[in-house]
Amino acid sequence: MNRSSLFAELKKHPWILAVVIYAHVGLAILLSINLSHDDKPPVPAAKKHNIIDAVAVDAKAFDERKKQAELEEKRKREQALAEKKLAEKKRAEEKKRQQELKRKQEAEKKALEKKKLEEKKLAEKKRQEQLKREQERVEKEKQLALAKKKEQEKKEKERLEKERLEKQRLEKERVEKERAEKERLAKLEAEKKRKEEEARRRAEEKAEFERALLEEERRREEAARQAERAARLQTMQAQYIQMIRLDVESAWRQPPGSAVGQSCVVNVTQAGSGDVIAVQVRSCSGTDAFQKSVERAVWRASPLPLPPDPELFSKELEFIFTP
């Protein structure tokens, strides 16, 4: 066994190295004890032999394990080789199957192409026959159209002559009618201007009336919206004050001996965040203790709830507290 293989095995099995090190350390301790104590008998030779024999046994076991590992490695290589051959065999069979499938597909493809070619030739033959029949029909229609055209040209000449004579008669009538029409148009133009002026004046009056109606309608709608918003804000204001009254009531602690049915007017100064800045309790129907308990309740309820609409917020609030 060379030195590099020995080091590799020791890395795989570090416990062997630990055993050898412990054996050498124990031997060194025994030698040091013998050197420091001359009066004591030396370490028996048999004990030394036992240590050396143990190391030899460990080395032999190490060689045996290495041999077993090499055999296991050889078995794994042989198994991997057999699996590789089996996989190659399967690949060869799969390749053969794919080639057979490809040949079959190519044969089907050629048969399909042949069929398409025959269908294409048959379609071309039908198209040529149809084209021939179409050309014969077009030629026949062309002859009929030519004869019809000659007949129409004859009739057209007769019609033009009649139109020329009729045109002369109509031109004479037109000149006479044109003179009479000019006179009539002059009267109509004067009447038209009068009616247009009257219509313009009426349209302006109507537009002014409609503008006035729209403005009145807009004012009514705006007043209705303002009234609706005012009513909604009034309701929201009452709900907002009720929210504050309930918060103060939740924070109120009834003083001992206070009677039922006491009430007072509470004035609160608050910041924009709802934090209470100042409290004034007046017109109180209860005792001083009741009045002070109400004031403390307002401070405890700070910050007060904010209104649902910022427009309802007021720095100064007043409400009647009746617990």
C-alpha atoms as a PDB file:
ATOM      1  CA  MET A   1       0.000   0.000   0.000  1.00  0.00           C
ATOM      2  CA  ASN A   2       1.551   3.391  -1.007  1.00  0.00           C
ATOM      3  CA  ARG A   3       1.375   6.483   1.159  1.00  0.00           C
ATOM      4  CA  SER A   4      -1.230   8.384  -0.928  1.00  0.00           C
ATOM      5  CA  SER A   5      -3.755   5.521  -0.838  1.00  0.00           C
ATOM      6  CA  LEU A   6      -3.188   5.167   2.918  1.00  0.00           C
ATOM      7  CA  PHE A   7      -3.965   8.879   3.454  1.00  0.00           C
ATOM      8  CA  ALA A   8      -7.089   8.600   1.272  1.00  0.00           C
ATOM      9  CA  GLU A   9      -8.406   5.691   3.327  1.00  0.00           C
ATOM     10  CA  LEU A  10      -7.639   7.510   6.572  1.00  0.00           C
ATOM     11  CA  LYS A  11      -9.726  10.460   5.318  1.00  0.00           C
ATOM     12  CA  LYS A  12     -12.627   8.103   4.643  1.00  0.00           C
ATOM     13  CA  HIS A  13     -12.246   6.365   8.060  1.00  0.00           C
ATOM     14  CA  PRO A  14     -10.898   8.939  10.534  1.00  0.00           C
ATOM     15  CA  TRP A  15     -11.637   6.708  13.541  1.00  0.00           C
ATOM     16  CA  ILE A  16      -8.680   4.464  12.556  1.00  0.00           C
ATOM     17  CA  LEU A  17      -6.351   7.448  12.773  1.00  0.00           C
ATOM     18  CA  ALA A  18      -7.853   8.336  16.149  1.00  0.00           C
ATOM     19  CA  VAL A  19      -7.164   4.810  17.461  1.00  0.00           C
ATOM     20  CA  VAL A  20      -3.548   4.924  16.257  1.00  0.00           C
ATOM     21  CA  ILE A  21      -3.027   8.374  17.800  1.00  0.00           C
ATOM     22  CA  TYR A  22      -4.492   7.265  21.124  1.00  0.00           C
ATOM     23  CA  ALA A  23      -2.198   4.220  21.107  1.00  0.00           C
ATOM     24  CA  HIS A  24       0.903   6.357  20.494  1.00  0.00           C
ATOM     25  CA  VAL A  25      -0.162   8.880  23.130  1.00  0.00           C
ATOM     26  CA  GLY A  26      -0.615   6.079  25.662  1.00  0.00           C
ATOM     27  CA  LEU A  27       2.826   4.689  24.798  1.00  0.00           C
ATOM     28  CA  ALA A  28       4.393   8.121  25.197  1.00  0.00           C
ATOM     29  CA  ILE A  29       2.770   8.559  28.628  1.00  0.00           C
ATOM     30  CA  LEU A  30       4.078   5.205  29.802  1.00  0.00           C
ATOM     31  CA  LEU A  31       7.617   6.047  28.636  1.00  0.00           C
ATOM     32  CA  SER A  32       7.503   9.408  30.385  1.00  0.00           C
ATOM     33  CA  ILE A  33       6.358   7.756  33.612  1.00  0.00           C
ATOM     34  CA  ASN A  34       9.296   5.327  33.419  1.00  0.00           C
ATOM     35  CA  LEU A  35      11.752   8.184  32.859  1.00  0.00           C
ATOM     36  CA  SER A  36      10.423  10.308  35.736  1.00  0.00           C
ATOM     37  CA  HIS A  37      10.213   7.481  38.275  1.00  0.00           C
ATOM     38  CA  ASP A  38      13.434   5.438  38.210  1.00  0.00           C
ATOM     39  CA  ASP A  39      12.500   3.609  41.420  1.00  0.00           C
ATOM     40  CA  LYS A  40       9.387   2.107  39.823  1.00  0.00           C
ATOM     41  CA  PRO A  41       9.656  -1.056  37.783  1.00  0.00           C
ATOM     42  CA  PRO A  42       9.677  -0.580  33.989  1.00  0.00           C
ATOM     43  CA  VAL A  43       6.601  -1.184  31.838  1.00  0.00           C
ATOM     44  CA  PRO A  44       6.334  -4.881  31.158  1.00  0.00           C
ATOM     45  CA  ALA A  45       7.377  -5.890  27.676  1.00  0.00           C
ATOM     46  CA  ALA A  46       4.170  -7.845  27.266  1.00  0.00           C
ATOM     47  CA  LYS A  47       2.107  -4.624  27.565  1.00  0.00           C
ATOM     48  CA  LYS A  48       4.150  -2.982  24.825  1.00  0.00           C
ATOM     49  CA  HIS A  49       3.575  -5.971  22.612  1.00  0.00           C
ATOM     50  CA  ASN A  50      -0.182  -5.682  23.219  1.00  0.00           C
ATOM     51  CA  ILE A  51      -0.232  -2.069  21.953  1.00  0.00           C
ATOM     52  CA  ILE A  52       1.760  -2.936  18.855  1.00  0.00           C
ATOM     53  CA  ASP A  53      -0.444  -5.958  18.216  1.00  0.00           C
ATOM     54  CA  ALA A  54      -3.560  -3.785  18.503  1.00  0.00           C
ATOM     55  CA  VAL A  55      -2.210  -1.384  15.906  1.00  0.00           C
ATOM     56  CA  ALA A  56      -1.342  -4.325  13.638  1.00  0.00           C
ATOM     57  CA  VAL A  57      -4.861  -5.751  14.051  1.00  0.00           C
ATOM     58  CA  ASP A  58      -6.381  -2.356  13.206  1.00  0.00           C
ATOM     59  CA  ALA A  59      -4.218  -2.127  10.090  1.00  0.00           C
ATOM     60  CA  LYS A  60      -5.298  -5.596   9.046  1.00  0.00           C
ATOM     61  CA  ALA A  61      -8.968  -4.722   9.592  1.00  0.00           C
ATOM     62  CA  PHE A  62      -8.375  -1.548   7.618  1.00  0.00           C
ATOM     63  CA  ASP A  63      -6.947  -3.582   4.693  1.00  0.00           C
ATOM     64  CA  GLU A  64      -9.906  -5.954   4.862  1.00  0.00           C
ATOM     65  CA  ARG A  65     -12.418  -3.076   4.763  1.00  0.00           C
ATOM     66  CA  LYS A  66     -10.547  -1.539   1.853  1.00  0.00           C
ATOM     67  CA  LYS A  67     -10.692  -4.837  -0.009  1.00  0.00           C
ATOM     68  CA  GLN A  68     -14.438  -5.079   0.660  1.00  0.00           C
ATOM     69  CA  ALA A  69     -14.889  -1.492  -0.558  1.00  0.00           C
ATOM     70  CA  GLU A  70     -12.961  -2.261  -3.762  1.00  0.00           C
ATOM     71  CA  LEU A  71     -15.133  -5.337  -4.351  1.00  0.00           C
ATOM     72  CA  GLU A  72     -18.277  -3.266  -3.765  1.00  0.00           C
ATOM     73  CA  GLU A  73     -16.995  -0.614  -6.167  1.00  0.00           C
ATOM     74  CA  LYS A  74     -16.257  -3.303  -8.765  1.00  0.00           C
ATOM     75  CA  ARG A  75     -19.770  -4.744  -8.325  1.00  0.00           C
ATOM     76  CA  LYS A  76     -21.299  -1.277  -8.780  1.00  0.00           C
ATOM     77  CA  ARG A  77     -19.262  -0.718 -11.961  1.00  0.00           C
ATOM     78  CA  GLU A  78     -20.366  -4.062 -13.371  1.00  0.00           C
ATOM     79  CA  GLN A  79     -23.994  -3.278 -12.489  1.00  0.00           C
ATOM     80  CA  ALA A  80     -23.732   0.192 -14.093  1.00  0.00           C
ATOM     81  CA  LEU A  81     -22.196  -1.400 -17.234  1.00  0.00           C
ATOM     82  CA  ALA A  82     -25.056  -3.922 -17.436  1.00  0.00           C
ATOM     83  CA  GLU A  83     -27.625  -1.134 -17.023  1.00  0.00           C
ATOM     84  CA  LYS A  84     -25.876   0.901 -19.693  1.00  0.00           C
ATOM     85  CA  LYS A  85     -25.970  -2.039 -22.142  1.00  0.00           C
ATOM     86  CA  LEU A  86     -29.666  -2.568 -21.379  1.00  0.00           C
ATOM     87  CA  ALA A  87     -30.384   1.142 -21.977  1.00  0.00           C
ATOM     88  CA  GLU A  88     -28.439   1.047 -25.264  1.00  0.00           C
ATOM     89  CA  LYS A  89     -30.457  -1.990 -26.330  1.00  0.00           C
ATOM     90  CA  LYS A  90     -33.699  -0.181 -25.542  1.00  0.00           C
ATOM     91  CA  ARG A  91     -32.520   2.898 -27.448  1.00  0.00           C
ATOM     92  CA  ALA A  92     -31.642   0.734 -30.466  1.00  0.00           C
ATOM     93  CA  GLU A  93     -35.072  -0.891 -30.395  1.00  0.00           C
ATOM     94  CA  GLU A  94     -36.761   2.531 -30.032  1.00  0.00           C
ATOM     95  CA  LYS A  95     -34.689   3.889 -32.924  1.00  0.00           C
ATOM     96  CA  LYS A  96     -35.705   0.929 -35.085  1.00  0.00           C
ATOM     97  CA  ARG A  97     -39.362   1.468 -34.182  1.00  0.00           C
ATOM     98  CA  GLN A  98     -39.091   5.189 -35.000  1.00  0.00           C
ATOM     99  CA  GLN A  99     -37.480   4.391 -38.374  1.00  0.00           C
ATOM    100  CA  GLU A 100     -40.257   1.920 -39.179  1.00  0.00           C
ATOM    101  CA  LEU A 101     -42.862   4.516 -38.197  1.00  0.00           C
ATOM    102  CA  LYS A 102     -41.115   7.142 -40.320  1.00  0.00           C
ATOM    103  CA  ARG A 103     -41.093   4.810 -43.360  1.00  0.00           C
ATOM    104  CA  LYS A 104     -44.795   4.145 -42.856  1.00  0.00           C
ATOM    105  CA  GLN A 105     -45.566   7.877 -42.570  1.00  0.00           C
ATOM    106  CA  GLU A 106     -43.539   8.638 -45.726  1.00  0.00           C
ATOM    107  CA  ALA A 107     -45.443   5.948 -47.652  1.00  0.00           C
ATOM    108  CA  GLU A 108     -48.765   7.410 -46.470  1.00  0.00           C
ATOM    109  CA  LYS A 109     -47.539  10.890 -47.388  1.00  0.00           C
ATOM    110  CA  LYS A 110     -46.618   9.788 -50.933  1.00  0.00           C
ATOM    111  CA  ALA A 111     -49.999   8.090 -51.372  1.00  0.00           C
ATOM    112  CA  LEU A 112     -51.762  11.255 -50.175  1.00  0.00           C
ATOM    113  CA  GLU A 113     -49.693  13.441 -52.517  1.00  0.00           C
ATOM    114  CA  LYS A 114     -50.521  11.135 -55.442  1.00  0.00           C
ATOM    115  CA  LYS A 115     -54.207  11.336 -54.620  1.00  0.00           C
ATOM    116  CA  LYS A 116     -54.034  15.141 -54.372  1.00  0.00           C
ATOM    117  CA  LEU A 117     -52.241  15.319 -57.750  1.00  0.00           C
ATOM    118  CA  GLU A 118     -54.936  13.213 -59.420  1.00  0.00           C
ATOM    119  CA  GLU A 119     -57.650  15.361 -57.839  1.00  0.00           C
ATOM    120  CA  LYS A 120     -55.839  18.485 -59.031  1.00  0.00           C
ATOM    121  CA  LYS A 121     -55.652  17.156 -62.631  1.00  0.00           C
ATOM    122  CA  LEU A 122     -59.352  16.295 -62.562  1.00  0.00           C
ATOM    123  CA  ALA A 123     -60.204  19.746 -61.218  1.00  0.00           C
ATOM    124  CA  GLU A 124     -58.072  21.390 -63.948  1.00  0.00           C
ATOM    125  CA  LYS A 125     -59.854  19.384 -66.623  1.00  0.00           C
ATOM    126  CA  LYS A 126     -63.235  20.475 -65.263  1.00  0.00           C
ATOM    127  CA  ARG A 127     -62.039  24.066 -65.092  1.00  0.00           C
ATOM    128  CA  GLN A 128     -60.916  24.016 -68.758  1.00  0.00           C
ATOM    129  CA  GLU A 129     -64.283  22.599 -69.824  1.00  0.00           C
ATOM    130  CA  GLN A 130     -66.079  25.252 -67.797  1.00  0.00           C
ATOM    131  CA  LEU A 131     -63.853  27.951 -69.301  1.00  0.00           C
ATOM    132  CA  LYS A 132     -64.659  26.758 -72.809  1.00  0.00           C
ATOM    133  CA  ARG A 133     -68.390  26.820 -72.132  1.00  0.00           C
ATOM    134  CA  GLU A 134     -68.025  30.310 -70.610  1.00  0.00           C
ATOM    135  CA  GLN A 135     -66.187  31.596 -73.702  1.00  0.00           C
ATOM    136  CA  GLU A 136     -68.919  30.244 -75.993  1.00  0.00           C
ATOM    137  CA  ARG A 137     -71.572  31.912 -73.823  1.00  0.00           C
ATOM    138  CA  VAL A 138     -69.680  35.241 -73.847  1.00  0.00           C
ATOM    139  CA  GLU A 139     -69.325  35.144 -77.639  1.00  0.00           C
ATOM    140  CA  LYS A 140     -73.034  34.493 -78.063  1.00  0.00           C
ATOM    141  CA  GLU A 141     -73.925  37.335 -75.705  1.00  0.00           C
ATOM    142  CA  LYS A 142     -71.508  39.592 -77.592  1.00  0.00           C
ATOM    143  CA  GLN A 143     -73.337  38.969 -80.896  1.00  0.00           C
ATOM    144  CA  LEU A 144     -76.686  39.607 -79.261  1.00  0.00           C
ATOM    145  CA  ALA A 145     -75.371  42.800 -77.667  1.00  0.00           C
ATOM    146  CA  LEU A 146     -74.073  44.064 -81.031  1.00  0.00           C
ATOM    147  CA  ALA A 147     -77.461  43.560 -82.720  1.00  0.00           C
ATOM    148  CA  LYS A 148     -79.212  45.199 -79.780  1.00  0.00           C
ATOM    149  CA  LYS A 149     -76.799  48.138 -79.944  1.00  0.00           C
ATOM    150  CA  LYS A 150     -77.616  48.820 -83.608  1.00  0.00           C
ATOM    151  CA  GLU A 151     -81.318  48.802 -82.837  1.00  0.00           C
ATOM    152  CA  GLN A 152     -80.793  51.185 -79.940  1.00  0.00           C
ATOM    153  CA  GLU A 153     -78.726  53.566 -82.114  1.00  0.00           C
ATOM    154  CA  LYS A 154     -81.596  53.805 -84.627  1.00  0.00           C
ATOM    155  CA  LYS A 155     -84.104  54.529 -81.907  1.00  0.00           C
ATOM    156  CA  GLU A 156     -81.726  57.062 -80.371  1.00  0.00           C
ATOM    157  CA  LYS A 157     -81.516  59.074 -83.614  1.00  0.00           C
ATOM    158  CA  GLU A 158     -85.316  59.227 -83.822  1.00  0.00           C
ATOM    159  CA  ARG A 159     -85.507  60.287 -80.198  1.00  0.00           C
ATOM    160  CA  LEU A 160     -82.920  63.051 -80.657  1.00  0.00           C
ATOM    161  CA  GLU A 161     -84.841  64.526 -83.556  1.00  0.00           C
ATOM    162  CA  LYS A 162     -88.032  64.615 -81.512  1.00  0.00           C
ATOM    163  CA  GLU A 163     -86.139  66.192 -78.631  1.00  0.00           C
ATOM    164  CA  ARG A 164     -84.727  68.922 -80.922  1.00  0.00           C
ATOM    165  CA  LEU A 165     -88.194  69.933 -82.072  1.00  0.00           C
ATOM    166  CA  GLU A 166     -89.532  69.740 -78.542  1.00  0.00           C
ATOM    167  CA  LYS A 167     -86.589  71.813 -77.328  1.00  0.00           C
ATOM    168  CA  GLN A 168     -87.364  74.621 -79.759  1.00  0.00           C
ATOM    169  CA  ARG A 169     -90.967  74.720 -78.568  1.00  0.00           C
ATOM    170  CA  LEU A 170     -89.943  74.634 -74.942  1.00  0.00           C
ATOM    171  CA  GLU A 171     -87.357  77.384 -75.439  1.00  0.00           C
ATOM    172  CA  LYS A 172     -90.058  79.720 -76.734  1.00  0.00           C
ATOM    173  CA  GLU A 173     -92.276  78.898 -73.797  1.00  0.00           C
ATOM    174  CA  ARG A 174     -89.322  79.311 -71.414  1.00  0.00           C
ATOM    175  CA  VAL A 175     -88.617  82.872 -72.588  1.00  0.00           C
ATOM    176  CA  GLU A 176     -92.228  83.850 -72.014  1.00  0.00           C
ATOM    177  CA  LYS A 177     -92.352  82.126 -68.652  1.00  0.00           C
ATOM    178  CA  GLU A 178     -89.018  83.657 -67.638  1.00  0.00           C
ATOM    179  CA  ARG A 179     -90.364  87.177 -68.078  1.00  0.00           C
ATOM    180  CA  ALA A 180     -93.429  86.360 -66.037  1.00  0.00           C
ATOM    181  CA  GLU A 181     -91.261  84.555 -63.467  1.00  0.00           C
ATOM    182  CA  LYS A 182     -89.029  87.603 -62.990  1.00  0.00           C
ATOM    183  CA  GLU A 183     -92.033  89.708 -62.135  1.00  0.00           C
ATOM    184  CA  ARG A 184     -93.347  87.057 -59.773  1.00  0.00           C
ATOM    185  CA  LEU A 185     -89.907  86.606 -58.132  1.00  0.00           C
ATOM    186  CA  ALA A 186     -89.578  90.312 -57.494  1.00  0.00           C
ATOM    187  CA  LYS A 187     -92.869  90.278 -55.616  1.00  0.00           C
ATOM    188  CA  LEU A 188     -91.874  87.087 -53.789  1.00  0.00           C
ATOM    189  CA  GLU A 189     -88.504  88.565 -52.806  1.00  0.00           C
ATOM    190  CA  ALA A 190     -90.129  91.572 -51.255  1.00  0.00           C
ATOM    191  CA  GLU A 191     -92.607  89.350 -49.408  1.00  0.00           C
ATOM    192  CA  LYS A 192     -89.779  87.016 -48.369  1.00  0.00           C
ATOM    193  CA  LYS A 193     -87.747  89.861 -46.883  1.00  0.00           C
ATOM    194  CA  ARG A 194     -90.789  91.048 -44.944  1.00  0.00           C
ATOM    195  CA  LYS A 195     -91.485  87.544 -43.616  1.00  0.00           C
ATOM    196  CA  GLU A 196     -87.798  86.919 -42.799  1.00  0.00           C
ATOM    197  CA  GLU A 197     -87.635  90.118 -40.795  1.00  0.00           C
ATOM    198  CA  GLU A 198     -90.805  89.179 -38.955  1.00  0.00           C
ATOM    199  CA  ALA A 199     -89.520  85.614 -38.358  1.00  0.00           C
ATOM    200  CA  ARG A 200     -86.175  86.944 -37.083  1.00  0.00           C
ATOM    201  CA  ARG A 201     -87.957  89.242 -34.660  1.00  0.00           C
ATOM    202  CA  ARG A 202     -90.189  86.399 -33.433  1.00  0.00           C
ATOM    203  CA  ALA A 203     -87.170  84.030 -33.110  1.00  0.00           C
ATOM    204  CA  GLU A 204     -85.324  86.592 -30.983  1.00  0.00           C
ATOM    205  CA  GLU A 205     -88.392  87.027 -28.775  1.00  0.00           C
ATOM    206  CA  LYS A 206     -88.774  83.232 -28.484  1.00  0.00           C
ATOM    207  CA  ALA A 207     -85.079  82.748 -27.683  1.00  0.00           C
ATOM    208  CA  GLU A 208     -85.228  85.438 -25.036  1.00  0.00           C
ATOM    209  CA  PHE A 209     -88.332  83.829 -23.527  1.00  0.00           C
ATOM    210  CA  GLU A 210     -86.684  80.371 -23.540  1.00  0.00           C
ATOM    211  CA  ARG A 211     -83.544  81.779 -21.903  1.00  0.00           C
ATOM    212  CA  ALA A 212     -85.697  83.329 -19.201  1.00  0.00           C
ATOM    213  CA  LEU A 213     -87.501  80.010 -18.671  1.00  0.00           C
ATOM    214  CA  LEU A 214     -84.185  78.097 -18.481  1.00  0.00           C
ATOM    215  CA  GLU A 215     -82.757  80.581 -16.031  1.00  0.00           C
ATOM    216  CA  GLU A 216     -85.875  80.341 -13.870  1.00  0.00           C
ATOM    217  CA  GLU A 217     -85.694  76.530 -13.996  1.00  0.00           C
ATOM    218  CA  ARG A 218     -82.006  76.632 -13.081  1.00  0.00           C
ATOM    219  CA  ARG A 219     -82.717  78.909 -10.116  1.00  0.00           C
ATOM    220  CA  ARG A 220     -85.503  76.595  -8.922  1.00  0.00           C
ATOM    221  CA  GLU A 221     -83.257  73.497  -9.252  1.00  0.00           C
ATOM    222  CA  GLU A 222     -80.397  75.263  -7.467  1.00  0.00           C
ATOM    223  CA  ALA A 223     -82.750  76.369  -4.674  1.00  0.00           C
ATOM    224  CA  ALA A 224     -84.050  72.792  -4.383  1.00  0.00           C
ATOM    225  CA  ARG A 225     -80.489  71.418  -4.232  1.00  0.00           C
ATOM    226  CA  GLN A 226     -79.524  73.983  -1.629  1.00  0.00           C
ATOM    227  CA  ALA A 227     -82.623  73.183   0.447  1.00  0.00           C
ATOM    228  CA  GLU A 228     -81.962  69.438   0.152  1.00  0.00           C
ATOM    229  CA  ARG A 229     -78.313  69.890   1.144  1.00  0.00           C
ATOM    230  CA  ALA A 230     -79.292  72.146   4.030  1.00  0.00           C
ATOM    231  CA  ALA A 231     -81.772  69.552   5.284  1.00  0.00           C
ATOM    232  CA  ARG A 232     -79.183  66.786   4.898  1.00  0.00           C
ATOM    233  CA  LEU A 233     -76.546  68.858   6.691  1.00  0.00           C
ATOM    234  CA  GLN A 234     -79.028  69.646   9.452  1.00  0.00           C
ATOM    235  CA  THR A 235     -79.735  65.935   9.917  1.00  0.00           C
ATOM    236  CA  MET A 236     -76.030  65.115   9.823  1.00  0.00           C
ATOM    237  CA  GLN A 237     -75.365  67.960  12.306  1.00  0.00           C
ATOM    238  CA  ALA A 238     -77.910  66.489  14.731  1.00  0.00           C
ATOM    239  CA  GLN A 239     -76.334  63.022  14.279  1.00  0.00           C
ATOM    240  CA  TYR A 240     -72.864  64.509  14.815  1.00  0.00           C
ATOM    241  CA  ILE A 241     -73.935  66.222  18.077  1.00  0.00           C
ATOM    242  CA  GLN A 242     -75.608  62.961  19.141  1.00  0.00           C
ATOM    243  CA  MET A 243     -72.313  61.073  18.534  1.00  0.00           C
ATOM    244  CA  ILE A 244     -70.441  63.554  20.746  1.00  0.00           C
ATOM    245  CA  ARG A 245     -73.174  63.397  23.427  1.00  0.00           C
ATOM    246  CA  LEU A 246     -72.965  59.563  23.434  1.00  0.00           C
ATOM    247  CA  ASP A 247     -69.141  59.619  23.701  1.00  0.00           C
ATOM    248  CA  VAL A 248     -69.355  62.022  26.656  1.00  0.00           C
ATOM    249  CA  GLU A 249     -72.084  59.912  28.249  1.00  0.00           C
ATOM    250  CA  SER A 250     -69.900  56.784  27.866  1.00  0.00           C
ATOM    251  CA  ALA A 251     -67.046  58.597  29.598  1.00  0.00           C
ATOM    252  CA  TRP A 252     -69.286  60.007  32.373  1.00  0.00           C
ATOM    253  CA  ARG A 253     -69.039  58.582  35.881  1.00  0.00           C
ATOM    254  CA  GLN A 254     -72.098  59.250  38.033  1.00  0.00           C
ATOM    255  CA  PRO A 255     -71.068  60.939  41.287  1.00  0.00           C
ATOM    256  CA  PRO A 256     -72.388  59.502  44.551  1.00  0.00           C
ATOM    257  CA  GLY A 257     -75.723  60.877  45.682  1.00  0.00           C
ATOM    258  CA  SER A 258     -76.640  62.470  42.347  1.00  0.00           C
ATOM    259  CA  ALA A 259     -80.357  62.497  41.523  1.00  0.00           C
ATOM    260  CA  VAL A 260     -81.997  61.195  38.376  1.00  0.00           C
ATOM    261  CA  GLY A 261     -83.047  63.616  35.612  1.00  0.00           C
ATOM    262  CA  GLN A 262     -80.255  66.172  36.004  1.00  0.00           C
ATOM    263  CA  SER A 263     -79.077  68.038  32.913  1.00  0.00           C
ATOM    264  CA  CYS A 264     -76.818  70.882  31.880  1.00  0.00           C
ATOM    265  CA  VAL A 265     -75.667  72.850  28.827  1.00  0.00           C
ATOM    266  CA  VAL A 266     -72.113  72.005  27.714  1.00  0.00           C
ATOM    267  CA  ASN A 267     -69.941  74.347  25.635  1.00  0.00           C
ATOM    268  CA  VAL A 268     -66.833  72.735  24.132  1.00  0.00           C
ATOM    269  CA  THR A 269     -63.913  74.296  22.295  1.00  0.00           C
ATOM    270  CA  GLN A 270     -62.102  71.725  20.108  1.00  0.00           C
ATOM    271  CA  ALA A 271     -59.167  71.619  17.723  1.00  0.00           C
ATOM    272  CA  GLY A 272     -59.351  70.478  14.093  1.00  0.00           C
ATOM    273  CA  SER A 273     -58.374  66.947  15.197  1.00  0.00           C
ATOM    274  CA  GLY A 274     -61.253  66.742  17.715  1.00  0.00           C
ATOM    275  CA  ASP A 275     -59.012  67.268  20.742  1.00  0.00           C
ATOM    276  CA  VAL A 276     -60.807  69.188  23.500  1.00  0.00           C
ATOM    277  CA  ILE A 277     -59.219  72.586  24.258  1.00  0.00           C
ATOM    278  CA  ALA A 278     -61.722  74.013  26.741  1.00  0.00           C
ATOM    279  CA  VAL A 279     -64.975  72.946  28.502  1.00  0.00           C
ATOM    280  CA  GLN A 280     -67.674  75.105  30.083  1.00  0.00           C
ATOM    281  CA  VAL A 281     -70.693  73.575  31.869  1.00  0.00           C
ATOM    282  CA  ARG A 282     -73.605  75.967  32.572  1.00  0.00           C
ATOM    283  CA  SER A 283     -77.341  76.030  33.248  1.00  0.00           C
ATOM    284  CA  CYS A 284     -76.875  72.898  35.277  1.00  0.00           C
ATOM    285  CA  SER A 285     -79.949  71.574  37.111  1.00  0.00           C
ATOM    286  CA  GLY A 286     -77.867  69.259  39.291  1.00  0.00           C
ATOM    287  CA  THR A 287     -75.305  69.616  42.040  1.00  0.00           C
ATOM    288  CA  ASP A 288     -71.763  70.924  41.786  1.00  0.00           C
ATOM    289  CA  ALA A 289     -70.523  67.342  41.859  1.00  0.00           C
ATOM    290  CA  PHE A 290     -72.716  66.517  38.862  1.00  0.00           C
ATOM    291  CA  GLN A 291     -71.440  69.598  37.009  1.00  0.00           C
ATOM    292  CA  LYS A 292     -67.787  68.682  37.654  1.00  0.00           C
ATOM    293  CA  SER A 293     -68.429  65.028  36.632  1.00  0.00           C
ATOM    294  CA  VAL A 294     -69.809  66.243  33.297  1.00  0.00           C
ATOM    295  CA  GLU A 295     -66.754  68.437  32.739  1.00  0.00           C
ATOM    296  CA  ARG A 296     -64.417  65.514  33.514  1.00  0.00           C
ATOM    297  CA  ALA A 297     -66.407  63.275  31.152  1.00  0.00           C
ATOM    298  CA  VAL A 298     -65.866  65.726  28.266  1.00  0.00           C
ATOM    299  CA  TRP A 299     -62.120  65.735  28.903  1.00  0.00           C
ATOM    300  CA  ARG A 300     -62.070  61.948  29.042  1.00  0.00           C
ATOM    301  CA  ALA A 301     -63.975  61.704  25.720  1.00  0.00           C
ATOM    302  CA  SER A 302     -61.259  63.732  23.940  1.00  0.00           C
ATOM    303  CA  PRO A 303     -60.560  63.518  21.040  1.00  0.00           C
ATOM    304  CA  LEU A 304     -64.189  63.937  20.009  1.00  0.00           C
ATOM    305  CA  PRO A 305     -65.453  62.216  16.829  1.00  0.00           C
ATOM    306  CA  LEU A 306     -65.118  64.209  13.602  1.00  0.00           C
ATOM    307  CA  PRO A 307     -68.227  65.038  11.533  1.00  0.00           C
ATOM    308  CA  PRO A 308     -69.015  62.949   8.423  1.00  0.00           C
ATOM    309  CA  ASP A 309     -68.844  66.134   6.321  1.00  0.00           C
ATOM    310  CA  PRO A 310     -65.952  68.603   6.947  1.00  0.00           C
ATOM    311  CA  GLU A 311     -68.417  71.466   6.374  1.00  0.00           C
ATOM    312  CA  LEU A 312     -70.180  70.520   9.636  1.00  0.00           C
ATOM    313  CA  PHE A 313     -67.028  70.948  11.722  1.00  0.00           C
ATOM    314  CA  SER A 314     -67.203  73.800  14.236  1.00  0.00           C
ATOM    315  CA  LYS A 315     -64.563  74.833  16.725  1.00  0.00           C
ATOM    316  CA  GLU A 316     -67.278  75.789  19.225  1.00  0.00           C
ATOM    317  CA  LEU A 317     -69.908  73.169  20.125  1.00  0.00           C
ATOM    318  CA  GLU A 318     -72.925  73.307  22.421  1.00  0.00           C
ATOM    319  CA  PHE A 319     -75.205  70.473  23.507  1.00  0.00           C
ATOM    320  CA  ILE A 320     -77.457  69.509  26.405  1.00  0.00           C
ATOM    321  CA  PHE A 321     -76.134  66.679  28.558  1.00  0.00           C
ATOM    322  CA  THR A 322     -78.879  64.563  30.120  1.00  0.00           C
ATOM    323  CA  PRO A 323     -77.566  61.181  31.228  1.00  0.00           C
END
